[in-house]
C-alpha atoms as a PDB file:
ATOM      1  CA  MET A   1     -13.586 -19.494 -12.657  1.00  0.00           C
ATOM      2  CA  LEU A   2     -13.222 -19.666  -9.169  1.00  0.00           C
ATOM      3  CA  ARG A   3     -15.941 -19.628  -6.101  1.00  0.00           C
ATOM      4  CA  ASP A   4     -15.774 -19.153  -2.927  1.00  0.00           C
ATOM      5  CA  TYR A   5     -17.972 -21.479  -0.503  1.00  0.00           C
ATOM      6  CA  ASN A   6     -21.850 -19.276  -1.250  1.00  0.00           C
ATOM      7  CA  GLY A   7     -21.006 -19.045  -5.215  1.00  0.00           C
ATOM      8  CA  LYS A   8     -19.485 -15.770  -5.148  1.00  0.00           C
ATOM      9  CA  VAL A   9     -17.225 -14.765  -7.904  1.00  0.00           C
ATOM     10  CA  ILE A  10     -13.469 -14.659  -7.457  1.00  0.00           C
ATOM     11  CA  HIS A  11     -10.731 -12.449  -9.630  1.00  0.00           C
ATOM     12  CA  MET A  12      -9.123  -9.932  -9.270  1.00  0.00           C
ATOM     13  CA  GLY A  13     -11.017  -6.399  -7.814  1.00  0.00           C
ATOM     14  CA  ALA A  14     -13.272  -8.482  -5.674  1.00  0.00           C
ATOM     15  CA  THR A  15     -13.748  -8.800  -2.359  1.00  0.00           C
ATOM     16  CA  ALA A  16     -13.132 -11.886  -0.621  1.00  0.00           C
ATOM     17  CA  ARG A  17     -13.145 -13.243   2.891  1.00  0.00           C
ATOM     18  CA  PRO A  18     -10.665 -15.644   3.988  1.00  0.00           C
ATOM     19  CA  VAL A  19     -12.391 -18.288   6.279  1.00  0.00           C
ATOM     20  CA  MET A  20      -9.242 -19.574   8.154  1.00  0.00           C
ATOM     21  CA  GLY A  21      -5.974 -18.337   9.303  1.00  0.00           C
ATOM     22  CA  HIS A  22      -5.419 -15.068  10.794  1.00  0.00           C
ATOM     23  CA  LEU A  23      -7.381 -13.669   8.879  1.00  0.00           C
ATOM     24  CA  ALA A  24     -10.542 -15.341   9.242  1.00  0.00           C
ATOM     25  CA  ASN A  25     -13.298 -12.700   8.649  1.00  0.00           C
ATOM     26  CA  TYR A  26     -11.213 -10.332   7.471  1.00  0.00           C
ATOM     27  CA  GLU A  27     -13.021  -8.828   3.913  1.00  0.00           C
ATOM     28  CA  GLY A  28      -9.740  -7.894   1.495  1.00  0.00           C
ATOM     29  CA  VAL A  29      -9.362  -6.478  -1.981  1.00  0.00           C
ATOM     30  CA  VAL A  30      -7.714  -8.983  -4.452  1.00  0.00           C
ATOM     31  CA  VAL A  31      -4.889  -7.614  -5.684  1.00  0.00           C
ATOM     32  CA  GLU A  32      -3.202 -10.688  -8.099  1.00  0.00           C
ATOM     33  CA  ILE A  33      -4.000 -13.695  -8.892  1.00  0.00           C
ATOM     34  CA  ASP A  34      -1.574 -16.392  -9.400  1.00  0.00           C
ATOM     35  CA  LYS A  35      -2.477 -20.562 -10.594  1.00  0.00           C
ATOM     36  CA  THR A  36       1.865 -21.963 -10.937  1.00  0.00           C
ATOM     37  CA  GLY A  37       2.729 -24.541  -9.185  1.00  0.00           C
ATOM     38  CA  GLY A  38       0.261 -26.399  -8.875  1.00  0.00           C
ATOM     39  CA  PHE A  39      -2.502 -24.395  -6.885  1.00  0.00           C
ATOM     40  CA  VAL A  40      -4.142 -21.602  -6.522  1.00  0.00           C
ATOM     41  CA  SER A  41      -2.795 -18.114  -4.637  1.00  0.00           C
ATOM     42  CA  LEU A  42      -4.670 -14.802  -4.261  1.00  0.00           C
ATOM     43  CA  LYS A  43      -2.315 -11.953  -3.061  1.00  0.00           C
ATOM     44  CA  PHE A  44      -5.149  -8.659  -0.646  1.00  0.00           C
ATOM     45  CA  GLU A  45      -4.139  -5.523  -1.102  1.00  0.00           C
ATOM     46  CA  ASP A  46      -2.542  -5.364   1.867  1.00  0.00           C
ATOM     47  CA  GLY A  47       0.286  -7.652   0.676  1.00  0.00           C
ATOM     48  CA  GLU A  48      -1.393 -10.785   2.603  1.00  0.00           C
ATOM     49  CA  ILE A  49      -0.925 -13.645   0.840  1.00  0.00           C
ATOM     50  CA  GLY A  50      -4.116 -16.648   1.119  1.00  0.00           C
ATOM     51  CA  VAL A  51      -4.139 -20.430  -0.549  1.00  0.00           C
ATOM     52  CA  TYR A  52      -7.600 -20.492  -2.826  1.00  0.00           C
ATOM     53  CA  PHE A  53      -8.223 -24.507  -1.711  1.00  0.00           C
ATOM     54  CA  ASN A  54     -11.870 -26.290  -2.404  1.00  0.00           C
ATOM     55  CA  ASP A  55     -13.672 -23.264  -2.286  1.00  0.00           C
ATOM     56  CA  ARG A  56     -11.766 -21.449   0.232  1.00  0.00           C
ATOM     57  CA  ILE A  57      -9.712 -18.826   0.816  1.00  0.00           C
ATOM     58  CA  ILE A  58      -6.824 -19.842   3.650  1.00  0.00           C
ATOM     59  CA  VAL A  59      -4.001 -17.209   5.148  1.00  0.00           C
ATOM     60  CA  PHE A  60      -1.546 -18.579   7.130  1.00  0.00           C
END
């Protein structure tokens, strides 16, 4: 189960807020979670991709 730094569960259809990157503090809806390749990536409704790392979401 993925949780953000505030303890909120992250799942498809939930809102999530990146803490770093060009979309920091933007809240978007998660439409896809990909756990392949040794890391977890999150795709947001607007097409942006974030990486889940150490209870944080980073969008490059």
